[in-house]
Amino acid sequence: MGKGMTVKTGRLEHIAMFKNMAIPNFIGIAVVFIACGFAIITHAQTEGSGVAEPKGVKDAALESKLEELLTTVYCYCGCERETIEVCVCDTAVMIEKDFRNRLLAGQTVEQIRTNYLDTFGPQFYAVMPAKGINLLAYIMPAVILVLIGGVAFAVLRRSRRQMVTSHVLEESDQQVSDTTVKQVEAELERYKQQN
């Protein structure tokens, strides 16, 4: 029995030592794997970014110009008055392809938009030009904000002036009452001295 206990105790000591060593070893291995993973990802990004960046920049610029075109002109299909970006008809898809091809051919956004509006009419321009009566639509919000600000300023100034005036009146009423109290006290003193 004593010998069996020793073996059992020996086993438990061995298992306890294994557990104490296993956790630090596992953490160390996990840290090494994570560090290697970061190194591989960083290396892959550095390698890939040198080759793919010019194409990505060019594509981003093209997409930006295309989006500007698609959001500033209406589709002429007649479905609804929607920009080409929003319209889902076949005509809008065809116009988008045409715009993309023209941009790839080297035309500017303004050239393509001008040609489109010359062909189909200025009513298909989704952005109001700042000319004539449309100028009012650009100016009126600023005028309205200035007017609202002026009215708010006048109201605040007037209410402040009224508060100051009422405060001055309260102080003067208090001074008058203090003066009156002093006069009454003086009269009482004089009356006491006479009697």
N, C-alpha and C. Protein backbone atom coordinates (compact mmCIF):
# COMPACT_ATOMS: atom_id res chain seq x y z
N MET A 1 0.83 -1.18 0.00
CA MET A 1 0.00 0.00 0.00
C MET A 1 0.87 1.24 0.00
N GLY A 2 1.90 1.24 0.79
CA GLY A 2 2.80 2.39 0.81
C GLY A 2 3.47 2.60 -0.52
N LYS A 3 3.81 1.48 -1.19
CA LYS A 3 4.46 1.59 -2.48
C LYS A 3 3.49 2.10 -3.54
N GLY A 4 2.24 1.63 -3.49
CA GLY A 4 1.23 2.10 -4.45
C GLY A 4 0.96 3.59 -4.31
N MET A 5 0.99 4.05 -3.08
CA MET A 5 0.76 5.48 -2.85
C MET A 5 1.89 6.29 -3.42
N THR A 6 3.06 5.79 -3.31
CA THR A 6 4.20 6.53 -3.82
C THR A 6 4.10 6.65 -5.33
N VAL A 7 3.70 5.56 -5.97
CA VAL A 7 3.54 5.61 -7.42
C VAL A 7 2.46 6.60 -7.78
N LYS A 8 1.35 6.54 -7.07
CA LYS A 8 0.25 7.46 -7.33
C LYS A 8 0.71 8.89 -7.12
N THR A 9 1.38 9.12 -6.01
CA THR A 9 1.86 10.46 -5.72
C THR A 9 2.86 10.88 -6.78
N GLY A 10 3.70 9.93 -7.16
CA GLY A 10 4.68 10.23 -8.22
C GLY A 10 4.00 10.62 -9.52
N ARG A 11 2.92 9.92 -9.85
CA ARG A 11 2.18 10.23 -11.07
C ARG A 11 1.55 11.62 -10.98
N LEU A 12 0.96 11.90 -9.83
CA LEU A 12 0.33 13.22 -9.66
C LEU A 12 1.37 14.33 -9.72
N GLU A 13 2.52 14.08 -9.13
CA GLU A 13 3.57 15.09 -9.22
C GLU A 13 4.00 15.26 -10.66
N HIS A 14 4.10 14.17 -11.41
CA HIS A 14 4.48 14.24 -12.81
C HIS A 14 3.42 15.00 -13.63
N ILE A 15 2.14 14.72 -13.36
CA ILE A 15 1.06 15.41 -14.06
C ILE A 15 1.06 16.89 -13.70
N ALA A 16 1.26 17.22 -12.43
CA ALA A 16 1.29 18.61 -11.99
C ALA A 16 2.45 19.34 -12.65
N MET A 17 3.61 18.70 -12.74
CA MET A 17 4.76 19.34 -13.40
C MET A 17 4.46 19.54 -14.88
N PHE A 18 3.81 18.57 -15.50
CA PHE A 18 3.48 18.67 -16.92
C PHE A 18 2.53 19.84 -17.17
N LYS A 19 1.52 20.00 -16.31
CA LYS A 19 0.57 21.11 -16.45
C LYS A 19 1.28 22.44 -16.31
N ASN A 20 2.16 22.56 -15.34
CA ASN A 20 2.89 23.82 -15.14
C ASN A 20 3.79 24.15 -16.31
N MET A 21 4.31 23.14 -16.98
CA MET A 21 5.18 23.37 -18.13
C MET A 21 4.37 23.54 -19.41
N ALA A 22 3.21 22.92 -19.51
CA ALA A 22 2.43 22.93 -20.74
C ALA A 22 1.85 24.31 -21.03
N ILE A 23 1.38 24.99 -20.02
CA ILE A 23 0.75 26.30 -20.24
C ILE A 23 1.76 27.31 -20.76
N PRO A 24 2.95 27.46 -20.12
CA PRO A 24 3.92 28.41 -20.69
C PRO A 24 4.38 28.01 -22.08
N ASN A 25 4.57 26.71 -22.32
CA ASN A 25 4.98 26.26 -23.65
C ASN A 25 3.91 26.58 -24.68
N PHE A 26 2.64 26.34 -24.34
CA PHE A 26 1.55 26.63 -25.27
C PHE A 26 1.49 28.12 -25.60
N ILE A 27 1.64 28.99 -24.58
CA ILE A 27 1.61 30.43 -24.80
C ILE A 27 2.78 30.84 -25.67
N GLY A 28 3.94 30.28 -25.41
CA GLY A 28 5.13 30.61 -26.22
C GLY A 28 4.93 30.22 -27.68
N ILE A 29 4.38 29.05 -27.91
CA ILE A 29 4.14 28.58 -29.28
C ILE A 29 3.10 29.47 -29.97
N ALA A 30 2.04 29.84 -29.25
CA ALA A 30 1.01 30.72 -29.82
C ALA A 30 1.59 32.07 -30.20
N VAL A 31 2.45 32.62 -29.35
CA VAL A 31 3.08 33.92 -29.64
C VAL A 31 3.95 33.82 -30.88
N VAL A 32 4.70 32.75 -31.02
CA VAL A 32 5.55 32.56 -32.20
C VAL A 32 4.70 32.46 -33.46
N PHE A 33 3.59 31.71 -33.42
CA PHE A 33 2.71 31.60 -34.59
C PHE A 33 2.11 32.95 -34.96
N ILE A 34 1.66 33.71 -33.98
CA ILE A 34 1.06 35.02 -34.24
C ILE A 34 2.10 35.96 -34.85
N ALA A 35 3.31 35.95 -34.29
CA ALA A 35 4.37 36.81 -34.81
C ALA A 35 4.72 36.44 -36.25
N CYS A 36 4.80 35.15 -36.53
CA CYS A 36 5.08 34.70 -37.90
C CYS A 36 3.96 35.11 -38.85
N GLY A 37 2.72 35.00 -38.38
CA GLY A 37 1.59 35.39 -39.21
C GLY A 37 1.64 36.87 -39.56
N PHE A 38 1.92 37.71 -38.57
CA PHE A 38 2.03 39.15 -38.84
C PHE A 38 3.18 39.44 -39.81
N ALA A 39 4.29 38.74 -39.63
CA ALA A 39 5.44 38.96 -40.52
C ALA A 39 5.09 38.58 -41.96
N ILE A 40 4.39 37.48 -42.12
CA ILE A 40 4.00 37.04 -43.47
C ILE A 40 3.02 38.03 -44.10
N ILE A 41 2.02 38.46 -43.33
CA ILE A 41 1.02 39.41 -43.85
C ILE A 41 1.69 40.73 -44.23
N THR A 42 2.56 41.23 -43.36
CA THR A 42 3.25 42.49 -43.64
C THR A 42 4.11 42.37 -44.88
N HIS A 43 4.81 41.26 -45.01
CA HIS A 43 5.64 41.04 -46.19
C HIS A 43 4.80 40.97 -47.46
N ALA A 44 3.67 40.28 -47.39
CA ALA A 44 2.80 40.15 -48.55
C ALA A 44 2.22 41.50 -48.95
N GLN A 45 1.85 42.31 -47.97
CA GLN A 45 1.31 43.63 -48.29
C GLN A 45 2.37 44.52 -48.90
N THR A 46 3.59 44.46 -48.38
CA THR A 46 4.68 45.28 -48.91
C THR A 46 5.01 44.86 -50.32
N GLU A 47 5.07 43.56 -50.56
CA GLU A 47 5.37 43.05 -51.90
C GLU A 47 4.27 43.41 -52.89
N GLY A 48 3.01 43.18 -52.49
CA GLY A 48 1.89 43.39 -53.39
C GLY A 48 1.59 44.85 -53.64
N SER A 49 1.85 45.71 -52.67
CA SER A 49 1.47 47.11 -52.82
C SER A 49 2.31 47.82 -53.86
N GLY A 50 3.56 47.41 -54.04
CA GLY A 50 4.41 48.06 -55.03
C GLY A 50 3.94 47.79 -56.44
N VAL A 51 3.37 46.64 -56.69
CA VAL A 51 2.95 46.27 -58.04
C VAL A 51 1.54 46.76 -58.33
N ALA A 52 0.61 46.60 -57.39
CA ALA A 52 -0.80 46.86 -57.65
C ALA A 52 -1.21 48.32 -57.46
N GLU A 53 -0.40 49.13 -56.80
CA GLU A 53 -0.84 50.48 -56.45
C GLU A 53 -1.13 51.37 -57.66
N PRO A 54 -0.26 51.44 -58.67
CA PRO A 54 -0.59 52.34 -59.79
C PRO A 54 -1.90 51.98 -60.48
N LYS A 55 -2.18 50.68 -60.64
CA LYS A 55 -3.43 50.28 -61.28
C LYS A 55 -4.62 50.64 -60.39
N GLY A 56 -4.48 50.41 -59.07
CA GLY A 56 -5.54 50.73 -58.13
C GLY A 56 -5.83 52.22 -58.09
N VAL A 57 -4.78 53.03 -58.14
CA VAL A 57 -4.97 54.49 -58.15
C VAL A 57 -5.67 54.91 -59.42
N LYS A 58 -5.25 54.33 -60.55
CA LYS A 58 -5.86 54.67 -61.84
C LYS A 58 -7.33 54.26 -61.86
N ASP A 59 -7.63 53.05 -61.35
CA ASP A 59 -9.01 52.58 -61.30
C ASP A 59 -9.85 53.46 -60.38
N ALA A 60 -9.29 53.86 -59.25
CA ALA A 60 -10.03 54.71 -58.31
C ALA A 60 -10.34 56.06 -58.94
N ALA A 61 -9.39 56.62 -59.66
CA ALA A 61 -9.61 57.91 -60.32
C ALA A 61 -10.68 57.77 -61.41
N LEU A 62 -10.62 56.68 -62.16
CA LEU A 62 -11.62 56.44 -63.21
C LEU A 62 -13.00 56.28 -62.60
N GLU A 63 -13.09 55.50 -61.53
CA GLU A 63 -14.39 55.28 -60.88
C GLU A 63 -14.93 56.58 -60.28
N SER A 64 -14.05 57.41 -59.76
CA SER A 64 -14.48 58.69 -59.20
C SER A 64 -15.06 59.59 -60.28
N LYS A 65 -14.38 59.64 -61.42
CA LYS A 65 -14.87 60.46 -62.55
C LYS A 65 -16.18 59.90 -63.08
N LEU A 66 -16.26 58.57 -63.18
CA LEU A 66 -17.48 57.93 -63.67
C LEU A 66 -18.64 58.21 -62.73
N GLU A 67 -18.39 58.13 -61.43
CA GLU A 67 -19.45 58.41 -60.45
C GLU A 67 -19.93 59.85 -60.56
N GLU A 68 -18.98 60.78 -60.79
CA GLU A 68 -19.37 62.18 -60.96
C GLU A 68 -20.30 62.33 -62.15
N LEU A 69 -19.99 61.66 -63.24
CA LEU A 69 -20.86 61.73 -64.42
C LEU A 69 -22.22 61.10 -64.15
N LEU A 70 -22.22 59.93 -63.54
CA LEU A 70 -23.47 59.20 -63.33
C LEU A 70 -24.40 59.90 -62.35
N THR A 71 -23.87 60.72 -61.46
CA THR A 71 -24.71 61.40 -60.47
C THR A 71 -25.11 62.80 -60.90
N THR A 72 -24.56 63.30 -62.00
CA THR A 72 -24.87 64.68 -62.39
C THR A 72 -25.74 64.79 -63.63
N VAL A 73 -26.07 63.67 -64.25
CA VAL A 73 -26.97 63.73 -65.41
C VAL A 73 -28.09 62.70 -65.24
N TYR A 74 -29.26 63.07 -65.76
CA TYR A 74 -30.41 62.18 -65.71
C TYR A 74 -30.40 61.23 -66.89
N CYS A 75 -30.99 60.07 -66.68
CA CYS A 75 -31.15 59.11 -67.77
C CYS A 75 -32.27 59.60 -68.68
N TYR A 76 -32.09 59.45 -69.98
CA TYR A 76 -33.09 59.93 -70.95
C TYR A 76 -34.13 58.87 -71.30
N CYS A 77 -34.15 57.75 -70.58
CA CYS A 77 -35.02 56.63 -70.93
C CYS A 77 -36.50 56.95 -70.82
N GLY A 78 -36.86 57.84 -69.93
CA GLY A 78 -38.27 58.20 -69.78
C GLY A 78 -38.97 57.45 -68.67
N CYS A 79 -38.29 56.50 -68.02
CA CYS A 79 -38.92 55.75 -66.92
C CYS A 79 -39.34 56.71 -65.80
N GLU A 80 -38.37 57.30 -65.18
CA GLU A 80 -38.58 58.30 -64.14
C GLU A 80 -37.43 59.28 -64.24
N ARG A 81 -37.55 60.38 -63.60
CA ARG A 81 -36.47 61.37 -63.62
C ARG A 81 -35.45 60.98 -62.56
N GLU A 82 -34.52 60.08 -62.94
CA GLU A 82 -33.49 59.59 -62.05
C GLU A 82 -32.13 59.75 -62.70
N THR A 83 -31.13 59.91 -61.86
CA THR A 83 -29.78 59.97 -62.41
C THR A 83 -29.41 58.60 -62.95
N ILE A 84 -28.41 58.57 -63.79
CA ILE A 84 -28.00 57.31 -64.41
C ILE A 84 -27.53 56.33 -63.34
N GLU A 85 -26.94 56.82 -62.28
CA GLU A 85 -26.47 55.95 -61.20
C GLU A 85 -27.64 55.20 -60.55
N VAL A 86 -28.79 55.84 -60.43
CA VAL A 86 -29.94 55.26 -59.73
C VAL A 86 -30.84 54.46 -60.68
N CYS A 87 -30.94 54.90 -61.91
CA CYS A 87 -31.84 54.26 -62.88
C CYS A 87 -31.38 52.82 -63.16
N VAL A 88 -32.32 51.90 -63.27
CA VAL A 88 -31.98 50.48 -63.45
C VAL A 88 -32.33 49.96 -64.84
N CYS A 89 -32.68 50.83 -65.75
CA CYS A 89 -33.08 50.37 -67.09
C CYS A 89 -31.84 50.03 -67.93
N ASP A 90 -32.09 49.38 -69.06
CA ASP A 90 -31.00 49.00 -69.97
C ASP A 90 -30.32 50.22 -70.57
N THR A 91 -31.08 51.30 -70.76
CA THR A 91 -30.51 52.53 -71.31
C THR A 91 -29.45 53.08 -70.36
N ALA A 92 -29.72 53.06 -69.08
CA ALA A 92 -28.75 53.57 -68.10
C ALA A 92 -27.48 52.72 -68.11
N VAL A 93 -27.62 51.42 -68.25
CA VAL A 93 -26.46 50.53 -68.31
C VAL A 93 -25.64 50.85 -69.56
N MET A 94 -26.32 51.08 -70.67
CA MET A 94 -25.64 51.41 -71.93
C MET A 94 -24.90 52.75 -71.81
N ILE A 95 -25.55 53.74 -71.18
CA ILE A 95 -24.93 55.06 -71.01
C ILE A 95 -23.70 54.94 -70.11
N GLU A 96 -23.81 54.15 -69.04
CA GLU A 96 -22.66 53.97 -68.14
C GLU A 96 -21.48 53.36 -68.87
N LYS A 97 -21.73 52.35 -69.69
CA LYS A 97 -20.64 51.73 -70.47
C LYS A 97 -20.02 52.75 -71.42
N ASP A 98 -20.88 53.56 -72.07
CA ASP A 98 -20.39 54.59 -72.99
C ASP A 98 -19.51 55.60 -72.25
N PHE A 99 -19.97 56.05 -71.09
CA PHE A 99 -19.19 57.01 -70.30
C PHE A 99 -17.84 56.41 -69.90
N ARG A 100 -17.85 55.13 -69.48
CA ARG A 100 -16.61 54.46 -69.06
C ARG A 100 -15.63 54.38 -70.24
N ASN A 101 -16.14 53.99 -71.41
CA ASN A 101 -15.27 53.90 -72.59
C ASN A 101 -14.70 55.26 -72.97
N ARG A 102 -15.50 56.30 -72.88
CA ARG A 102 -15.01 57.64 -73.21
C ARG A 102 -13.94 58.10 -72.21
N LEU A 103 -14.15 57.79 -70.92
CA LEU A 103 -13.13 58.14 -69.92
C LEU A 103 -11.83 57.39 -70.18
N LEU A 104 -11.94 56.10 -70.54
CA LEU A 104 -10.75 55.31 -70.85
C LEU A 104 -10.05 55.83 -72.10
N ALA A 105 -10.84 56.41 -73.03
CA ALA A 105 -10.27 56.97 -74.25
C ALA A 105 -9.58 58.31 -74.00
N GLY A 106 -9.78 58.88 -72.81
CA GLY A 106 -9.07 60.11 -72.48
C GLY A 106 -9.91 61.36 -72.43
N GLN A 107 -11.22 61.26 -72.65
CA GLN A 107 -12.06 62.44 -72.57
C GLN A 107 -12.24 62.86 -71.11
N THR A 108 -12.46 64.15 -70.90
CA THR A 108 -12.67 64.65 -69.54
C THR A 108 -14.14 64.53 -69.17
N VAL A 109 -14.42 64.65 -67.89
CA VAL A 109 -15.78 64.59 -67.38
C VAL A 109 -16.61 65.70 -68.01
N GLU A 110 -16.05 66.89 -68.07
CA GLU A 110 -16.78 68.04 -68.62
C GLU A 110 -17.10 67.85 -70.10
N GLN A 111 -16.17 67.30 -70.86
CA GLN A 111 -16.41 67.05 -72.29
C GLN A 111 -17.56 66.05 -72.48
N ILE A 112 -17.53 64.98 -71.71
CA ILE A 112 -18.56 63.94 -71.84
C ILE A 112 -19.92 64.49 -71.42
N ARG A 113 -19.96 65.22 -70.31
CA ARG A 113 -21.22 65.78 -69.82
C ARG A 113 -21.78 66.81 -70.81
N THR A 114 -20.91 67.67 -71.33
CA THR A 114 -21.35 68.68 -72.30
C THR A 114 -21.91 68.02 -73.55
N ASN A 115 -21.24 66.98 -74.04
CA ASN A 115 -21.71 66.27 -75.23
C ASN A 115 -23.07 65.63 -74.96
N TYR A 116 -23.23 65.02 -73.79
CA TYR A 116 -24.50 64.37 -73.43
C TYR A 116 -25.62 65.40 -73.36
N LEU A 117 -25.37 66.52 -72.70
CA LEU A 117 -26.40 67.55 -72.56
C LEU A 117 -26.70 68.24 -73.89
N ASP A 118 -25.70 68.38 -74.76
CA ASP A 118 -25.95 68.94 -76.09
C ASP A 118 -26.82 68.00 -76.92
N THR A 119 -26.62 66.70 -76.75
CA THR A 119 -27.38 65.71 -77.50
C THR A 119 -28.82 65.59 -77.00
N PHE A 120 -29.02 65.50 -75.67
CA PHE A 120 -30.34 65.22 -75.12
C PHE A 120 -31.03 66.42 -74.49
N GLY A 121 -30.31 67.50 -74.28
CA GLY A 121 -30.92 68.72 -73.75
C GLY A 121 -30.51 69.03 -72.33
N PRO A 122 -30.57 70.33 -71.98
CA PRO A 122 -30.13 70.75 -70.65
C PRO A 122 -31.07 70.28 -69.53
N GLN A 123 -32.27 69.83 -69.86
CA GLN A 123 -33.19 69.35 -68.83
C GLN A 123 -32.70 68.05 -68.19
N PHE A 124 -31.69 67.42 -68.77
CA PHE A 124 -31.14 66.18 -68.22
C PHE A 124 -29.95 66.43 -67.31
N TYR A 125 -29.67 67.68 -67.03
CA TYR A 125 -28.59 68.02 -66.09
C TYR A 125 -29.16 67.98 -64.69
N ALA A 126 -28.61 67.14 -63.84
CA ALA A 126 -29.16 66.93 -62.49
C ALA A 126 -28.73 68.02 -61.50
N VAL A 127 -27.76 68.82 -61.88
CA VAL A 127 -27.29 69.89 -61.02
C VAL A 127 -27.74 71.21 -61.63
N MET A 128 -28.42 72.02 -60.81
CA MET A 128 -28.89 73.30 -61.33
C MET A 128 -27.71 74.23 -61.60
N PRO A 129 -27.61 74.76 -62.80
CA PRO A 129 -26.55 75.73 -63.05
C PRO A 129 -26.85 77.04 -62.31
N ALA A 130 -25.82 77.68 -61.81
CA ALA A 130 -25.99 78.93 -61.06
C ALA A 130 -26.12 80.10 -62.03
N LYS A 131 -27.23 80.12 -62.74
CA LYS A 131 -27.49 81.18 -63.72
C LYS A 131 -28.96 81.58 -63.61
N GLY A 132 -29.24 82.81 -63.96
CA GLY A 132 -30.61 83.29 -64.04
C GLY A 132 -31.41 83.06 -62.77
N ILE A 133 -32.61 82.52 -62.95
CA ILE A 133 -33.52 82.31 -61.83
C ILE A 133 -32.99 81.25 -60.86
N ASN A 134 -32.17 80.31 -61.36
CA ASN A 134 -31.59 79.28 -60.50
C ASN A 134 -30.65 79.88 -59.45
N LEU A 135 -30.14 81.06 -59.74
CA LEU A 135 -29.25 81.73 -58.80
C LEU A 135 -29.96 81.99 -57.47
N LEU A 136 -31.26 82.22 -57.55
CA LEU A 136 -32.04 82.43 -56.32
C LEU A 136 -31.99 81.20 -55.41
N ALA A 137 -32.03 80.02 -56.01
CA ALA A 137 -32.00 78.79 -55.21
C ALA A 137 -30.68 78.65 -54.46
N TYR A 138 -29.61 79.20 -55.01
CA TYR A 138 -28.33 79.14 -54.32
C TYR A 138 -28.19 80.24 -53.28
N ILE A 139 -28.77 81.40 -53.54
CA ILE A 139 -28.61 82.55 -52.65
C ILE A 139 -29.61 82.53 -51.50
N MET A 140 -30.84 82.09 -51.74
CA MET A 140 -31.90 82.19 -50.73
C MET A 140 -31.58 81.49 -49.40
N PRO A 141 -30.99 80.32 -49.39
CA PRO A 141 -30.68 79.72 -48.08
C PRO A 141 -29.78 80.60 -47.22
N ALA A 142 -28.79 81.23 -47.85
CA ALA A 142 -27.90 82.13 -47.10
C ALA A 142 -28.66 83.35 -46.61
N VAL A 143 -29.52 83.90 -47.46
CA VAL A 143 -30.30 85.08 -47.07
C VAL A 143 -31.23 84.73 -45.91
N ILE A 144 -31.87 83.57 -45.99
CA ILE A 144 -32.78 83.15 -44.93
C ILE A 144 -32.03 82.95 -43.61
N LEU A 145 -30.85 82.32 -43.69
CA LEU A 145 -30.05 82.14 -42.47
C LEU A 145 -29.63 83.47 -41.86
N VAL A 146 -29.26 84.44 -42.71
CA VAL A 146 -28.88 85.76 -42.19
C VAL A 146 -30.08 86.43 -41.54
N LEU A 147 -31.26 86.33 -42.18
CA LEU A 147 -32.46 86.93 -41.60
C LEU A 147 -32.82 86.29 -40.25
N ILE A 148 -32.78 84.97 -40.20
CA ILE A 148 -33.09 84.27 -38.94
C ILE A 148 -32.08 84.67 -37.87
N GLY A 149 -30.80 84.74 -38.24
CA GLY A 149 -29.78 85.16 -37.29
C GLY A 149 -30.01 86.58 -36.80
N GLY A 150 -30.41 87.48 -37.71
CA GLY A 150 -30.70 88.87 -37.33
C GLY A 150 -31.88 88.96 -36.37
N VAL A 151 -32.93 88.22 -36.67
CA VAL A 151 -34.11 88.23 -35.79
C VAL A 151 -33.74 87.67 -34.42
N ALA A 152 -33.01 86.57 -34.40
CA ALA A 152 -32.60 85.96 -33.12
C ALA A 152 -31.72 86.94 -32.33
N PHE A 153 -30.80 87.61 -33.02
CA PHE A 153 -29.94 88.58 -32.35
C PHE A 153 -30.77 89.72 -31.76
N ALA A 154 -31.73 90.23 -32.55
CA ALA A 154 -32.57 91.34 -32.08
C ALA A 154 -33.40 90.91 -30.87
N VAL A 155 -33.98 89.72 -30.93
CA VAL A 155 -34.81 89.23 -29.81
C VAL A 155 -33.95 89.06 -28.55
N LEU A 156 -32.78 88.45 -28.70
CA LEU A 156 -31.89 88.26 -27.55
C LEU A 156 -31.43 89.60 -26.98
N ARG A 157 -31.11 90.53 -27.85
CA ARG A 157 -30.67 91.85 -27.38
C ARG A 157 -31.79 92.56 -26.64
N ARG A 158 -32.99 92.47 -27.19
CA ARG A 158 -34.14 93.13 -26.56
C ARG A 158 -34.44 92.51 -25.19
N SER A 159 -34.41 91.19 -25.12
CA SER A 159 -34.70 90.53 -23.84
C SER A 159 -33.60 90.85 -22.82
N ARG A 160 -32.37 90.96 -23.27
CA ARG A 160 -31.29 91.32 -22.35
C ARG A 160 -31.48 92.74 -21.84
N ARG A 161 -31.85 93.62 -22.75
CA ARG A 161 -32.09 95.01 -22.36
C ARG A 161 -33.23 95.08 -21.35
N GLN A 162 -34.29 94.30 -21.56
CA GLN A 162 -35.40 94.28 -20.61
C GLN A 162 -34.97 93.73 -19.27
N MET A 163 -34.12 92.70 -19.28
CA MET A 163 -33.62 92.15 -18.03
C MET A 163 -32.79 93.18 -17.27
N VAL A 164 -31.93 93.91 -18.00
CA VAL A 164 -31.11 94.94 -17.36
C VAL A 164 -31.99 96.04 -16.79
N THR A 165 -32.99 96.46 -17.58
CA THR A 165 -33.90 97.52 -17.14
C THR A 165 -34.67 97.08 -15.89
N SER A 166 -35.18 95.86 -15.90
CA SER A 166 -35.93 95.38 -14.73
C SER A 166 -35.02 95.26 -13.52
N HIS A 167 -33.78 94.86 -13.73
CA HIS A 167 -32.83 94.75 -12.63
C HIS A 167 -32.52 96.13 -12.04
N VAL A 168 -32.36 97.13 -12.92
CA VAL A 168 -32.10 98.50 -12.46
C VAL A 168 -33.30 99.02 -11.69
N LEU A 169 -34.52 98.74 -12.18
CA LEU A 169 -35.72 99.19 -11.48
C LEU A 169 -35.83 98.54 -10.11
N GLU A 170 -35.50 97.25 -10.03
CA GLU A 170 -35.55 96.56 -8.74
C GLU A 170 -34.55 97.18 -7.78
N GLU A 171 -33.35 97.49 -8.27
CA GLU A 171 -32.34 98.10 -7.41
C GLU A 171 -32.79 99.48 -6.95
N SER A 172 -33.36 100.25 -7.89
CA SER A 172 -33.80 101.60 -7.51
C SER A 172 -34.97 101.53 -6.53
N ASP A 173 -35.88 100.55 -6.71
CA ASP A 173 -36.97 100.37 -5.76
C ASP A 173 -36.41 100.01 -4.39
N GLN A 174 -35.39 99.16 -4.37
CA GLN A 174 -34.79 98.77 -3.11
C GLN A 174 -34.08 99.96 -2.48
N GLN A 175 -33.41 100.79 -3.32
CA GLN A 175 -32.75 101.98 -2.78
C GLN A 175 -33.77 102.95 -2.22
N VAL A 176 -34.87 103.12 -2.93
CA VAL A 176 -35.91 104.02 -2.45
C VAL A 176 -36.45 103.50 -1.12
N SER A 177 -36.69 102.24 -1.07
CA SER A 177 -37.22 101.69 0.17
C SER A 177 -36.19 101.81 1.29
N ASP A 178 -34.90 101.60 0.98
CA ASP A 178 -33.86 101.78 2.00
C ASP A 178 -33.81 103.23 2.47
N THR A 179 -33.93 104.13 1.54
CA THR A 179 -33.94 105.56 1.89
C THR A 179 -35.16 105.89 2.74
N THR A 180 -36.27 105.35 2.38
CA THR A 180 -37.51 105.58 3.14
C THR A 180 -37.37 105.01 4.54
N VAL A 181 -36.80 103.83 4.67
CA VAL A 181 -36.61 103.20 5.98
C VAL A 181 -35.70 104.08 6.83
N LYS A 182 -34.63 104.58 6.24
CA LYS A 182 -33.70 105.43 6.99
C LYS A 182 -34.40 106.72 7.45
N GLN A 183 -35.24 107.28 6.60
CA GLN A 183 -35.96 108.49 6.98
C GLN A 183 -36.93 108.21 8.12
N VAL A 184 -37.60 107.08 8.04
CA VAL A 184 -38.55 106.71 9.09
C VAL A 184 -37.80 106.50 10.40
N GLU A 185 -36.66 105.82 10.36
CA GLU A 185 -35.87 105.60 11.55
C GLU A 185 -35.37 106.92 12.15
N ALA A 186 -34.98 107.81 11.27
CA ALA A 186 -34.51 109.13 11.75
C ALA A 186 -35.66 109.87 12.41
N GLU A 187 -36.85 109.79 11.85
CA GLU A 187 -38.02 110.46 12.43
C GLU A 187 -38.35 109.85 13.79
N LEU A 188 -38.24 108.53 13.90
CA LEU A 188 -38.50 107.86 15.17
C LEU A 188 -37.49 108.30 16.24
N GLU A 189 -36.23 108.37 15.84
CA GLU A 189 -35.21 108.82 16.78
C GLU A 189 -35.50 110.24 17.28
N ARG A 190 -35.86 111.09 16.34
CA ARG A 190 -36.16 112.46 16.71
C ARG A 190 -37.38 112.51 17.66
N TYR A 191 -38.36 111.69 17.36
CA TYR A 191 -39.58 111.65 18.18
C TYR A 191 -39.22 111.16 19.59
N LYS A 192 -38.34 110.15 19.70
CA LYS A 192 -37.94 109.60 20.98
C LYS A 192 -37.17 110.68 21.79
N GLN A 193 -36.36 111.41 21.09
CA GLN A 193 -35.58 112.42 21.79
C GLN A 193 -36.49 113.56 22.28
N GLN A 194 -37.49 113.85 21.54
CA GLN A 194 -38.41 114.92 21.95
C GLN A 194 -39.27 114.46 23.12
N ASN A 195 -39.58 113.25 23.22
CA ASN A 195 -40.45 112.75 24.30
C ASN A 195 -39.65 112.25 25.40
